[in-house]
Amino acid sequence: MKLLSAVVPCYNEEENVADFYREFIKNEGFFKEKEIELELWYIDDGSGDNTAGEVKKLAEADRRVHFLSFSRNFGKEAAIYAGLQKARGDYVVFLDADLQDPPSLLPEMYGYLEQGYDSVATRRVSRKGEPPIRSLFARMFYRLMKKISRTEIMDGARDYRLMTRKVVDAILAMPEYNRFSKGIFGWVGFGTKWLEFENIERKKGETKWSFWKLFLYSLDGITAFSTAPLAFAAFMGVLFCLAAFGLIIVTIVRKAIFGDPTSGWPSLVCIISLISGVQLFCLGIVGQYLAKTYMEVKRRPIYLVKEEI
């Protein structure tokens, strides 16, 4: 029989662990008919509540449930990578423990794999329940990425994705420290079917993604899959050099024709401030790429294991 591995990153999801298990296991009958066994990997990302205890209860009752706990909070990207490394299945699927990724879609997703697709990805067609400002900036991010990156990153894409083993192996061949899974999924390619569904709000607990965390995460995505900001910094440098040469010529001509010394100290201060601001902004862009490079060359582990069942 073949094996389907489900990877479930968890961070303070004590209230949702058991509910997720009950929903996921409802697919047992369908996959049994397909001669596919199930295994479930809960990846505890350094939770501060009793998430680990709840998973251990499930592991004692069902040997198909496995558990990996980090020594501290390393982030969802690290949890996804750890789950990929531990999953032994011929098929691997990511799901969030808060049930915003409905396990009931799994039979339909597997059907597309039977049709010849290598992976089945999901995307939300609405952002019902999200704050309007957050939704606006999310849409702006995806539009920007579509213009500045060659990697396909679909608007509303979720990490909820069912993949064959060859796709999983391709992702594991990218052990980079600064990870942006949505971009990595698109970069490796393979035949992907996109499955749309209405946004589902979490039933218990609170989201761990604040606006600031999402903003930093978007910067990770931009710097990981586009060098357009560096080109922008270079363009701004050339533009302001040309503008400076033009102002020099204007000043010389004005002095030669009108014999009038250059005036306008307030405007001069404004121009200096503008150019200084642009310089610092471009320096910050370069600094972001330098910081990512610095973290990569240190070769630190992506995560550290505290406990494994």
Protein backbone atom coordinates (compact mmCIF):
# COMPACT_ATOMS: atom_id res chain seq x y z
CA MET A 1 0.00 0.00 0.00
CA LYS A 2 1.03 3.60 -0.57
CA LEU A 3 1.30 6.20 2.18
CA LEU A 4 -0.11 9.72 2.56
CA SER A 5 1.72 11.95 5.06
CA ALA A 6 -0.08 14.97 6.48
CA VAL A 7 2.14 17.72 7.93
CA VAL A 8 0.46 20.05 10.43
CA PRO A 9 2.51 22.99 11.77
CA CYS A 10 1.27 24.06 15.22
CA TYR A 11 1.96 27.12 17.33
CA ASN A 12 -0.25 27.50 20.40
CA GLU A 13 -3.01 25.38 18.86
CA GLU A 14 -3.99 23.47 21.99
CA GLU A 15 -7.70 24.02 21.33
CA ASN A 16 -7.56 22.82 17.72
CA VAL A 17 -5.32 19.73 17.80
CA ALA A 18 -8.04 17.18 18.62
CA ASP A 19 -10.68 18.85 16.40
CA PHE A 20 -8.30 18.76 13.46
CA TYR A 21 -7.53 15.07 14.03
CA ARG A 22 -11.24 14.19 14.02
CA GLU A 23 -11.82 16.09 10.77
CA PHE A 24 -8.76 14.64 9.07
CA ILE A 25 -9.49 11.04 10.03
CA LYS A 26 -12.91 11.27 8.33
CA ASN A 27 -11.03 10.71 5.07
CA GLU A 28 -9.77 7.31 6.26
CA GLY A 29 -12.47 5.36 4.41
CA PHE A 30 -11.83 7.08 1.09
CA PHE A 31 -8.08 6.48 1.16
CA LYS A 32 -8.54 2.89 2.34
CA GLU A 33 -10.48 2.22 -0.85
CA LYS A 34 -7.53 3.69 -2.78
CA GLU A 35 -5.15 1.41 -0.85
CA ILE A 36 -3.44 4.35 0.79
CA GLU A 37 -2.45 4.42 4.45
CA LEU A 38 -2.33 7.63 6.48
CA GLU A 39 0.23 9.16 8.83
CA LEU A 40 -0.05 12.48 10.62
CA TRP A 41 2.89 14.67 11.66
CA TYR A 42 2.19 17.45 14.15
CA ILE A 43 5.13 19.89 14.16
CA ASP A 44 5.08 21.90 17.39
CA ASP A 45 6.82 25.20 16.68
CA GLY A 46 7.84 25.96 20.29
CA SER A 47 4.29 26.44 21.59
CA GLY A 48 3.80 28.05 24.99
CA ASP A 49 0.52 26.27 25.75
CA ASN A 50 -0.35 22.56 26.06
CA THR A 51 -0.21 21.79 22.33
CA ALA A 52 2.44 19.11 22.95
CA GLY A 53 0.32 17.42 25.62
CA GLU A 54 -2.73 17.26 23.37
CA VAL A 55 -0.72 15.74 20.52
CA LYS A 56 0.82 13.15 22.85
CA LYS A 57 -2.66 12.01 23.87
CA LEU A 58 -3.49 11.41 20.21
CA ALA A 59 -0.18 9.62 19.62
CA GLU A 60 -0.91 7.23 22.50
CA ALA A 61 -4.32 6.39 21.04
CA ASP A 62 -3.29 6.22 17.36
CA ARG A 63 0.13 5.02 16.23
CA ARG A 64 -0.29 6.86 12.94
CA VAL A 65 0.10 10.17 14.82
CA HIS A 66 3.68 11.44 15.10
CA PHE A 67 5.04 14.44 16.95
CA LEU A 68 8.05 16.72 16.57
CA SER A 69 8.69 19.62 18.95
CA PHE A 70 11.16 22.49 18.40
CA SER A 71 13.40 23.84 21.14
CA ARG A 72 11.85 27.28 20.56
CA ASN A 73 9.69 29.12 18.04
CA PHE A 74 11.50 28.94 14.67
CA GLY A 75 8.53 29.98 12.52
CA LYS A 76 6.08 28.24 10.24
CA GLU A 77 8.58 27.97 7.39
CA ALA A 78 10.90 25.91 9.58
CA ALA A 79 7.96 23.72 10.64
CA ILE A 80 7.03 23.07 7.01
CA TYR A 81 10.60 22.10 6.16
CA ALA A 82 10.86 19.81 9.20
CA GLY A 83 7.60 18.12 8.23
CA LEU A 84 8.91 17.51 4.71
CA GLN A 85 12.03 15.90 6.12
CA LYS A 86 10.06 13.61 8.43
CA ALA A 87 7.23 12.66 6.07
CA ARG A 88 7.76 9.21 4.52
CA GLY A 89 4.69 9.21 2.31
CA ASP A 90 4.36 8.73 -1.42
CA TYR A 91 2.11 11.79 -1.10
CA VAL A 92 2.52 14.71 1.30
CA VAL A 93 -0.01 17.37 2.23
CA PHE A 94 0.28 20.52 4.36
CA LEU A 95 -2.65 21.67 6.48
CA ASP A 96 -3.08 24.28 9.19
CA ALA A 97 -4.31 23.01 12.56
CA ASP A 98 -6.92 25.78 12.84
CA LEU A 99 -9.11 24.08 10.18
CA GLN A 100 -8.89 27.02 7.80
CA ASP A 101 -7.57 24.37 5.39
CA PRO A 102 -10.56 21.98 5.24
CA PRO A 103 -9.46 18.30 5.24
CA SER A 104 -12.71 17.51 3.42
CA LEU A 105 -11.07 18.72 0.19
CA LEU A 106 -8.49 15.91 0.26
CA PRO A 107 -10.50 13.35 -1.79
CA GLU A 108 -11.03 15.91 -4.56
CA MET A 109 -7.36 16.92 -4.44
CA TYR A 110 -6.22 13.31 -4.72
CA GLY A 111 -8.52 12.88 -7.72
CA TYR A 112 -6.48 15.47 -9.62
CA LEU A 113 -3.27 13.58 -8.81
CA GLU A 114 -4.88 10.51 -10.38
CA GLN A 115 -5.45 12.60 -13.49
CA GLY A 116 -1.70 13.16 -13.82
CA TYR A 117 -0.98 16.34 -11.86
CA ASP A 118 2.13 16.41 -9.66
CA SER A 119 0.62 18.69 -7.04
CA VAL A 120 -2.71 20.23 -6.13
CA ALA A 121 -2.61 23.68 -4.57
CA THR A 122 -5.41 25.70 -2.98
CA ARG A 123 -6.28 29.37 -3.08
CA ARG A 124 -8.95 31.46 -1.42
CA VAL A 125 -11.36 33.25 -3.74
CA SER A 126 -12.42 35.64 -0.96
CA ARG A 127 -10.90 37.15 2.17
CA LYS A 128 -14.07 37.10 4.23
CA GLY A 129 -13.38 37.90 7.88
CA GLU A 130 -10.04 39.63 7.31
CA PRO A 131 -9.51 43.30 8.20
CA PRO A 132 -9.91 45.44 5.02
CA ILE A 133 -6.44 47.01 5.36
CA ARG A 134 -4.79 43.62 5.66
CA SER A 135 -6.65 42.33 2.59
CA LEU A 136 -5.67 45.43 0.60
CA PHE A 137 -1.97 45.07 1.35
CA ALA A 138 -2.10 41.32 0.64
CA ARG A 139 -3.53 41.93 -2.82
CA MET A 140 -0.94 44.65 -3.46
CA PHE A 141 1.84 42.22 -2.50
CA TYR A 142 0.66 39.55 -4.94
CA ARG A 143 0.31 42.09 -7.74
CA LEU A 144 3.80 43.38 -7.06
CA MET A 145 5.27 39.87 -7.03
CA LYS A 146 3.59 39.08 -10.34
CA LYS A 147 5.36 42.05 -11.91
CA ILE A 148 8.83 41.75 -10.41
CA SER A 149 9.29 37.96 -10.15
CA ARG A 150 9.33 35.17 -12.71
CA THR A 151 8.13 32.71 -10.08
CA GLU A 152 4.38 32.07 -10.06
CA ILE A 153 2.85 33.16 -6.75
CA MET A 154 -0.93 32.99 -6.96
CA ASP A 155 -3.09 35.61 -5.25
CA GLY A 156 -4.80 34.06 -2.24
CA ALA A 157 -2.56 30.98 -2.29
CA ARG A 158 -2.56 28.85 0.83
CA ASP A 159 0.15 26.51 2.07
CA TYR A 160 -2.50 23.78 1.82
CA ARG A 161 -1.04 21.61 -0.95
CA LEU A 162 -1.00 17.91 -1.84
CA MET A 163 2.19 16.77 -3.58
CA THR A 164 3.75 13.65 -5.01
CA ARG A 165 7.08 12.40 -3.70
CA LYS A 166 9.09 13.83 -6.61
CA VAL A 167 7.81 17.33 -5.82
CA VAL A 168 8.69 16.87 -2.15
CA ASP A 169 12.20 15.70 -3.04
CA ALA A 170 12.65 18.76 -5.27
CA ILE A 171 11.70 21.07 -2.40
CA LEU A 172 14.02 19.27 0.00
CA ALA A 173 16.84 19.88 -2.47
CA MET A 174 16.50 23.59 -1.57
CA PRO A 175 17.81 23.74 2.03
CA GLU A 176 18.04 27.53 2.14
CA TYR A 177 17.81 29.24 5.53
CA ASN A 178 15.59 32.15 4.43
CA ARG A 179 12.55 30.23 3.28
CA PHE A 180 9.42 31.47 1.51
CA SER A 181 7.42 28.35 0.74
CA LYS A 182 4.87 29.94 -1.57
CA GLY A 183 7.73 31.01 -3.82
CA ILE A 184 9.56 27.69 -3.48
CA PHE A 185 6.44 25.78 -4.53
CA GLY A 186 6.19 27.91 -7.66
CA TRP A 187 9.92 27.81 -8.40
CA VAL A 188 10.21 24.00 -8.50
CA GLY A 189 7.50 23.89 -11.15
CA PHE A 190 5.79 20.57 -12.04
CA GLY A 191 2.19 20.25 -13.14
CA THR A 192 0.00 22.02 -10.58
CA LYS A 193 -3.77 22.12 -10.35
CA TRP A 194 -5.24 25.11 -8.49
CA LEU A 195 -8.31 24.40 -6.40
CA GLU A 196 -10.39 27.37 -5.24
CA PHE A 197 -12.50 27.56 -2.08
CA GLU A 198 -14.21 30.18 0.05
CA ASN A 199 -12.23 31.56 2.98
CA ILE A 200 -12.94 29.76 6.26
CA GLU A 201 -12.43 31.57 9.54
CA ARG A 202 -10.66 29.75 12.36
CA LYS A 203 -13.12 28.37 14.88
CA LYS A 204 -10.93 28.52 18.01
CA GLY A 205 -7.95 30.57 19.13
CA GLU A 206 -6.42 33.66 17.59
CA THR A 207 -4.29 34.15 14.50
CA LYS A 208 -0.53 34.30 15.07
CA TRP A 209 0.02 36.56 12.06
CA SER A 210 -0.01 40.25 12.95
CA PHE A 211 0.16 42.93 10.26
CA TRP A 212 3.84 43.56 11.09
CA LYS A 213 4.74 39.86 10.84
CA LEU A 214 3.00 39.63 7.49
CA PHE A 215 4.87 42.71 6.28
CA LEU A 216 8.23 41.18 7.25
CA TYR A 217 7.18 37.91 5.64
CA SER A 218 6.39 39.75 2.40
CA LEU A 219 9.88 41.29 2.45
CA ASP A 220 11.29 37.77 2.73
CA GLY A 221 9.30 36.79 -0.34
CA ILE A 222 10.45 39.79 -2.38
CA THR A 223 14.13 39.41 -1.54
CA ALA A 224 14.01 35.62 -2.01
CA PHE A 225 12.48 35.58 -5.48
CA SER A 226 13.28 38.91 -7.11
CA THR A 227 16.28 41.16 -7.66
CA ALA A 228 14.07 43.97 -8.96
CA PRO A 229 14.60 46.12 -5.82
CA LEU A 230 18.37 46.12 -6.50
CA ALA A 231 17.73 47.19 -10.07
CA PHE A 232 15.43 49.92 -8.74
CA ALA A 233 18.18 51.18 -6.43
CA ALA A 234 20.62 51.31 -9.36
CA PHE A 235 18.04 53.10 -11.52
CA MET A 236 17.44 55.73 -8.83
CA GLY A 237 21.20 56.30 -8.58
CA VAL A 238 21.50 56.89 -12.32
CA LEU A 239 18.40 59.10 -12.36
CA PHE A 240 19.67 61.40 -9.61
CA CYS A 241 23.14 61.59 -11.18
CA LEU A 242 21.55 62.80 -14.42
CA ALA A 243 19.40 65.26 -12.50
CA ALA A 244 22.50 66.57 -10.68
CA PHE A 245 24.37 67.12 -13.97
CA GLY A 246 21.34 68.94 -15.35
CA LEU A 247 21.19 71.24 -12.34
CA ILE A 248 24.91 71.99 -12.67
CA ILE A 249 24.43 73.05 -16.31
CA VAL A 250 21.43 75.21 -15.40
CA THR A 251 23.43 76.92 -12.65
CA ILE A 252 26.38 77.67 -14.95
CA VAL A 253 24.15 79.02 -17.72
CA ARG A 254 22.22 81.17 -15.28
CA LYS A 255 25.42 82.65 -13.89
CA ALA A 256 26.87 83.30 -17.38
CA ILE A 257 23.75 84.95 -18.79
CA PHE A 258 22.24 86.76 -15.82
CA GLY A 259 25.34 87.20 -13.67
CA ASP A 260 23.13 86.24 -10.78
CA PRO A 261 24.44 83.98 -8.01
CA THR A 262 22.29 80.92 -7.34
CA SER A 263 19.64 81.65 -4.74
CA GLY A 264 17.02 79.60 -2.94
CA TRP A 265 18.42 78.08 0.23
CA PRO A 266 15.07 76.55 1.28
CA SER A 267 14.75 74.68 -2.03
CA LEU A 268 18.37 73.57 -1.75
CA VAL A 269 17.72 72.10 1.69
CA CYS A 270 14.67 70.26 0.34
CA ILE A 271 16.66 68.82 -2.55
CA ILE A 272 19.48 67.67 -0.27
CA SER A 273 16.98 66.06 2.09
CA LEU A 274 15.23 64.30 -0.80
CA ILE A 275 18.45 62.92 -2.25
CA SER A 276 19.67 61.84 1.18
CA GLY A 277 16.39 60.02 1.80
CA VAL A 278 16.60 58.22 -1.54
CA GLN A 279 20.20 57.23 -0.81
CA LEU A 280 19.28 55.78 2.58
CA PHE A 281 16.30 53.96 1.06
CA CYS A 282 18.47 52.37 -1.64
CA LEU A 283 21.09 51.52 0.97
CA GLY A 284 18.37 49.81 2.99
CA ILE A 285 17.42 47.70 -0.06
CA VAL A 286 21.01 46.58 -0.50
CA GLY A 287 21.19 45.96 3.27
CA GLN A 288 18.21 43.58 3.10
CA TYR A 289 19.91 41.42 0.48
CA LEU A 290 23.19 41.58 2.39
CA ALA A 291 21.43 40.49 5.60
CA LYS A 292 19.86 37.49 3.84
CA THR A 293 23.24 36.52 2.41
CA TYR A 294 24.80 36.87 5.88
CA MET A 295 22.25 34.47 7.38
CA GLU A 296 22.75 31.96 4.57
CA VAL A 297 26.56 31.81 4.84
CA LYS A 298 26.41 31.25 8.62
CA ARG A 299 24.89 27.82 7.86
CA ARG A 300 22.85 27.66 11.05
CA PRO A 301 20.31 24.82 11.28
CA ILE A 302 16.80 25.75 10.19
CA TYR A 303 15.38 24.28 13.41
CA LEU A 304 16.43 22.38 16.55
CA VAL A 305 14.50 19.39 17.90
CA LYS A 306 13.46 19.23 21.53
CA GLU A 307 11.34 16.07 21.42
CA GLU A 308 10.19 13.54 18.84
CA ILE A 309 7.62 10.74 18.92
